[in-house]
Amino acid sequence: MPKKKTGARKKAESRKEREKQIRANREHVDVAKHPCNVNMECDKCQRKQKNRAFCYFCSSVQKLPVCAQCGKTKCMKSSDCVIKHPGIHSTGMAMVGAVCDFCEAWVCHGRKCLSTHACACPLTDADCIECDRSVWDHGGRIFRCSFCQNFLCEDDQFEHQASCQVLQAETFKCVSCNRLGQHSCLRCKACYCDDHAKSKVFKQEKGKAPPCPKCGHETQETKDLSMSSKCLAYACSVTNTNVLSSVQLSNAALRFNHMLKDQENVFP
């Protein structure tokens, strides 16, 4: 007979299951609409920025802080508050209970918000994929790329998404064989055929597309995307959708000829 589980073992397994569910729910959160990432206009310098405990530009405290978990600006008298205030609606600094280390925003003194926000904060590892800046390094909001689901800062979101559907290859063939890749990973920028899309490391959930065998990100069918491949022209990497003008090609050819002449002068 199998050994009977102890109370500590049951608690540990339930804790692991809760943490797994929290991590899974964090990936499906709409970051643009979450209270910790809403627009905020500073009361002192009038500059727009992400919801913060202190203004990124002048470091002033706002008159009406917004909770990063529930989004409220006023705590009602009948709530699960850690600091009780019977018969009084608390606002301002009387409502806050902590500052989140990840999203740099106030968390109200409600028991549920204080106990759950730090584990479920969607901006825990929100470093921009383009400039590697975290929430503390810039004043703008955080977004996710609609293709590869990576974090983007407000400055790079449009430039990144315009060039996200470009493969790191010259053809649409599978990276492991010579067949056409039916599945594309928008994080690795690679295509896989039906056989090589199957992975022994990452399990495929029922009813979903196979995960990328390299990074585990969910793949999409190449025919449903407007993917383009890279080509090389005079050692410059360009996309097939871009067409080089004759002036650009002639300038590149002139630079290439000058480079050859310089090498001949150095090594006669």
Protein backbone atom coordinates (compact mmCIF):
# COMPACT_ATOMS: atom_id res chain seq x y z
CA MET A 1 0.00 0.00 0.00
CA PRO A 2 1.25 3.52 -0.71
CA LYS A 3 2.36 5.59 2.22
CA LYS A 4 -0.21 7.93 3.68
CA LYS A 5 0.53 11.61 3.01
CA THR A 6 1.32 13.70 6.04
CA GLY A 7 -0.22 17.10 6.72
CA ALA A 8 3.00 18.91 5.81
CA ARG A 9 3.20 17.02 2.51
CA LYS A 10 -0.39 17.96 1.63
CA LYS A 11 0.26 21.62 2.47
CA ALA A 12 3.43 21.66 0.34
CA GLU A 13 1.64 20.13 -2.64
CA SER A 14 -1.28 22.55 -2.37
CA ARG A 15 1.16 25.48 -2.14
CA LYS A 16 2.98 24.31 -5.28
CA GLU A 17 -0.35 23.99 -7.09
CA ARG A 18 -1.37 27.52 -6.07
CA GLU A 19 1.98 28.96 -7.21
CA LYS A 20 1.67 27.13 -10.53
CA GLN A 21 -1.84 28.54 -11.04
CA ILE A 22 -0.66 32.06 -10.17
CA ARG A 23 2.16 31.83 -12.73
CA ALA A 24 -0.26 30.53 -15.37
CA ASN A 25 -2.76 33.33 -14.69
CA ARG A 26 -0.02 35.96 -14.83
CA GLU A 27 0.66 35.13 -18.48
CA HIS A 28 -2.98 35.82 -19.46
CA VAL A 29 -3.29 39.19 -17.70
CA ASP A 30 -3.94 42.20 -19.95
CA VAL A 31 -1.05 44.38 -18.80
CA ALA A 32 -2.36 47.51 -20.55
CA LYS A 33 -5.59 47.46 -18.48
CA HIS A 34 -4.18 46.35 -15.11
CA PRO A 35 -4.45 48.93 -12.27
CA CYS A 36 -0.68 48.90 -11.68
CA ASN A 37 -0.12 50.07 -15.28
CA VAL A 38 -2.85 52.69 -15.78
CA ASN A 39 -2.16 56.25 -16.89
CA MET A 40 -1.35 58.77 -14.17
CA GLU A 41 -0.92 62.54 -14.44
CA CYS A 42 1.28 64.12 -11.78
CA ASP A 43 -0.47 66.73 -9.62
CA LYS A 44 2.67 68.88 -9.49
CA CYS A 45 4.47 68.68 -12.87
CA GLN A 46 1.39 67.63 -14.95
CA ARG A 47 3.36 64.96 -16.82
CA LYS A 48 1.69 61.72 -17.85
CA GLN A 49 3.26 58.44 -16.79
CA LYS A 50 2.52 55.00 -15.42
CA ASN A 51 0.79 54.57 -12.05
CA ARG A 52 3.53 55.13 -9.45
CA ALA A 53 3.88 55.81 -5.75
CA PHE A 54 6.15 58.78 -6.50
CA CYS A 55 6.35 60.84 -9.67
CA TYR A 56 9.16 59.61 -11.93
CA PHE A 57 10.12 63.18 -12.92
CA CYS A 58 9.67 65.29 -9.76
CA SER A 59 9.36 62.57 -7.04
CA SER A 60 6.20 64.10 -5.58
CA VAL A 61 3.45 62.09 -3.87
CA GLN A 62 0.00 62.15 -5.48
CA LYS A 63 -3.07 63.40 -3.61
CA LEU A 64 -5.20 60.40 -4.63
CA PRO A 65 -3.04 57.27 -4.92
CA VAL A 66 -4.46 54.33 -6.89
CA CYS A 67 -4.16 50.78 -5.56
CA ALA A 68 -2.04 48.61 -7.85
CA GLN A 69 -4.21 45.54 -7.22
CA CYS A 70 -7.86 46.63 -7.04
CA GLY A 71 -7.56 50.09 -8.61
CA LYS A 72 -9.57 51.96 -5.96
CA THR A 73 -8.78 55.46 -4.68
CA LYS A 74 -11.09 55.37 -1.63
CA CYS A 75 -11.34 52.71 1.07
CA MET A 76 -14.88 52.20 2.32
CA LYS A 77 -15.69 51.84 6.01
CA SER A 78 -16.78 48.19 5.64
CA SER A 79 -13.74 46.48 4.11
CA ASP A 80 -11.09 43.89 5.01
CA CYS A 81 -8.62 46.54 6.13
CA VAL A 82 -5.53 45.75 8.15
CA ILE A 83 -5.86 49.20 9.77
CA LYS A 84 -9.47 49.56 10.93
CA HIS A 85 -11.29 52.88 10.37
CA PRO A 86 -14.92 52.31 11.40
CA GLY A 87 -17.37 54.87 10.06
CA ILE A 88 -14.72 56.70 8.00
CA HIS A 89 -13.93 56.54 4.28
CA SER A 90 -10.14 56.80 4.07
CA THR A 91 -8.39 58.38 1.07
CA GLY A 92 -4.89 59.54 0.23
CA MET A 93 -2.01 58.30 2.37
CA ALA A 94 -4.46 56.96 4.95
CA MET A 95 -5.55 54.34 2.40
CA VAL A 96 -2.14 52.95 1.35
CA GLY A 97 -0.41 50.04 3.03
CA ALA A 98 2.72 49.25 1.00
CA VAL A 99 4.70 49.96 -2.17
CA CYS A 100 5.22 47.13 -4.66
CA ASP A 101 8.89 46.51 -5.48
CA PHE A 102 8.04 45.35 -9.02
CA CYS A 103 5.54 47.91 -10.38
CA GLU A 104 6.53 50.81 -8.05
CA ALA A 105 2.89 51.58 -7.21
CA TRP A 106 0.91 51.88 -4.00
CA VAL A 107 -1.03 48.91 -2.62
CA CYS A 108 -4.01 49.71 -0.39
CA HIS A 109 -4.20 48.46 3.20
CA GLY A 110 -6.77 45.80 2.34
CA ARG A 111 -5.81 42.36 3.59
CA LYS A 112 -6.47 40.67 0.25
CA CYS A 113 -4.46 43.20 -1.79
CA LEU A 114 -1.49 43.14 0.59
CA SER A 115 -1.33 39.35 0.65
CA THR A 116 -1.83 38.64 -3.06
CA HIS A 117 -0.41 41.51 -5.14
CA ALA A 118 3.31 40.77 -4.72
CA CYS A 119 2.93 37.18 -5.96
CA ALA A 120 0.54 38.03 -8.81
CA CYS A 121 2.04 41.34 -9.98
CA PRO A 122 2.14 41.21 -13.81
CA LEU A 123 5.24 43.44 -13.93
CA THR A 124 7.49 41.13 -11.90
CA ASP A 125 10.03 40.64 -14.69
CA ALA A 126 8.83 43.39 -17.05
CA ASP A 127 12.12 44.23 -18.77
CA CYS A 128 11.77 45.66 -22.26
CA ILE A 129 12.96 43.16 -24.88
CA GLU A 130 14.45 45.98 -26.99
CA CYS A 131 16.23 48.30 -24.53
CA ASP A 132 16.42 46.03 -21.41
CA ARG A 133 14.96 48.77 -19.19
CA SER A 134 12.89 47.80 -16.17
CA VAL A 135 9.96 49.67 -14.62
CA TRP A 136 12.30 51.70 -12.42
CA ASP A 137 14.42 52.88 -15.39
CA HIS A 138 11.77 54.78 -17.38
CA GLY A 139 8.56 56.67 -16.70
CA GLY A 140 6.31 55.19 -19.39
CA ARG A 141 3.85 52.34 -19.31
CA ILE A 142 4.57 48.68 -20.04
CA PHE A 143 3.00 46.72 -22.89
CA ARG A 144 3.21 43.23 -24.39
CA CYS A 145 3.96 42.48 -28.00
CA SER A 146 0.85 41.04 -29.64
CA PHE A 147 2.98 38.51 -31.57
CA CYS A 148 5.80 37.25 -29.31
CA GLN A 149 4.21 38.29 -25.96
CA ASN A 150 7.44 39.89 -24.72
CA PHE A 151 7.41 43.04 -22.59
CA LEU A 152 7.89 46.39 -24.33
CA CYS A 153 8.33 49.90 -23.01
CA GLU A 154 6.22 52.76 -24.34
CA ASP A 155 9.06 54.04 -26.54
CA ASP A 156 9.74 50.78 -28.40
CA GLN A 157 6.31 49.16 -28.70
CA PHE A 158 5.49 50.31 -32.26
CA GLU A 159 8.98 49.82 -33.71
CA HIS A 160 9.25 46.32 -32.28
CA GLN A 161 5.83 45.12 -33.43
CA ALA A 162 6.47 46.44 -36.95
CA SER A 163 9.50 44.15 -37.30
CA CYS A 164 8.45 41.24 -35.09
CA GLN A 165 7.16 38.92 -37.82
CA VAL A 166 10.53 38.46 -39.53
CA LEU A 167 12.23 35.06 -39.51
CA GLN A 168 15.91 34.71 -38.66
CA ALA A 169 16.35 32.73 -41.87
CA GLU A 170 16.24 33.25 -45.62
CA THR A 171 13.51 30.63 -46.25
CA PHE A 172 10.39 29.25 -44.59
CA LYS A 173 11.89 25.78 -44.26
CA CYS A 174 12.09 23.87 -40.99
CA VAL A 175 15.26 24.58 -39.02
CA SER A 176 15.85 20.84 -38.53
CA CYS A 177 15.07 19.52 -42.01
CA ASN A 178 14.36 20.66 -45.56
CA ARG A 179 10.56 20.55 -45.39
CA LEU A 180 8.27 23.56 -45.24
CA GLY A 181 7.66 24.77 -41.68
CA GLN A 182 3.96 24.77 -40.84
CA HIS A 183 4.47 26.09 -37.28
CA SER A 184 6.27 29.34 -36.43
CA CYS A 185 7.62 30.53 -33.08
CA LEU A 186 7.46 34.32 -32.88
CA ARG A 187 9.99 34.43 -30.04
CA CYS A 188 12.72 32.36 -31.67
CA LYS A 189 11.73 33.59 -35.16
CA ALA A 190 11.97 30.02 -36.51
CA CYS A 191 9.74 27.57 -38.41
CA TYR A 192 9.17 23.89 -37.63
CA CYS A 193 7.49 21.09 -39.54
CA ASP A 194 4.89 18.79 -37.97
CA ASP A 195 7.48 16.20 -36.90
CA HIS A 196 10.06 18.59 -35.39
CA ALA A 197 7.43 20.76 -33.66
CA LYS A 198 6.89 17.90 -31.21
CA SER A 199 9.06 18.27 -28.13
CA LYS A 200 10.02 15.83 -25.39
CA VAL A 201 10.73 18.66 -22.93
CA PHE A 202 7.59 20.80 -23.30
CA LYS A 203 4.26 18.99 -23.23
CA GLN A 204 1.50 19.92 -25.64
CA GLU A 205 -1.81 20.72 -23.98
CA LYS A 206 -4.97 19.29 -25.45
CA GLY A 207 -6.63 21.56 -27.99
CA LYS A 208 -3.66 23.95 -28.23
CA ALA A 209 -0.87 24.46 -30.72
CA PRO A 210 2.41 22.62 -30.06
CA PRO A 211 4.95 24.59 -27.99
CA CYS A 212 8.25 25.66 -29.46
CA PRO A 213 10.84 22.90 -28.87
CA LYS A 214 13.46 25.57 -28.16
CA CYS A 215 11.79 28.04 -25.78
CA GLY A 216 8.40 26.49 -24.96
CA HIS A 217 6.38 29.44 -26.28
CA GLU A 218 3.14 28.52 -28.05
CA THR A 219 3.62 28.32 -31.81
CA GLN A 220 1.23 29.52 -34.50
CA GLU A 221 0.51 28.28 -37.98
CA THR A 222 2.66 30.04 -40.55
CA LYS A 223 -0.22 30.40 -43.00
CA ASP A 224 -2.16 32.50 -40.46
CA LEU A 225 0.72 34.99 -40.06
CA SER A 226 2.19 37.61 -42.34
CA MET A 227 5.70 36.29 -41.81
CA SER A 228 8.61 37.45 -43.96
CA SER A 229 12.14 36.08 -44.25
CA LYS A 230 15.48 37.85 -44.30
CA CYS A 231 17.72 38.27 -47.31
CA LEU A 232 21.22 39.69 -47.66
CA ALA A 233 22.21 42.50 -50.02
CA TYR A 234 25.81 43.74 -49.86
CA ALA A 235 26.23 42.26 -46.37
CA CYS A 236 23.28 44.29 -45.06
CA SER A 237 20.40 42.35 -43.54
CA VAL A 238 17.04 43.47 -44.96
CA THR A 239 13.59 41.95 -45.22
CA ASN A 240 11.95 40.70 -48.38
CA THR A 241 9.19 43.25 -47.95
CA ASN A 242 11.68 46.13 -48.27
CA VAL A 243 12.94 47.04 -51.73
CA LEU A 244 16.31 48.76 -52.03
CA SER A 245 16.39 51.65 -54.45
CA SER A 246 18.99 51.90 -57.20
CA VAL A 247 20.64 54.83 -55.40
CA GLN A 248 21.08 52.76 -52.23
CA LEU A 249 22.51 49.84 -54.20
CA SER A 250 24.94 52.08 -56.09
CA ASN A 251 26.10 53.71 -52.85
CA ALA A 252 26.65 50.29 -51.28
CA ALA A 253 28.63 49.18 -54.35
CA LEU A 254 30.81 52.32 -54.20
CA ARG A 255 31.54 51.74 -50.50
CA PHE A 256 32.43 48.13 -51.23
CA ASN A 257 34.84 49.18 -54.03
CA HIS A 258 36.49 51.80 -51.80
CA MET A 259 36.95 49.16 -49.10
CA LEU A 260 38.68 46.85 -51.60
CA LYS A 261 40.98 49.67 -52.76
CA ASP A 262 41.93 50.49 -49.18
CA GLN A 263 42.81 46.85 -48.56
CA GLU A 264 44.96 46.79 -51.71
CA ASN A 265 46.82 49.89 -50.53
CA VAL A 266 47.46 48.39 -47.11
CA PHE A 267 48.40 44.95 -48.49
CA PRO A 268 49.96 45.52 -51.97
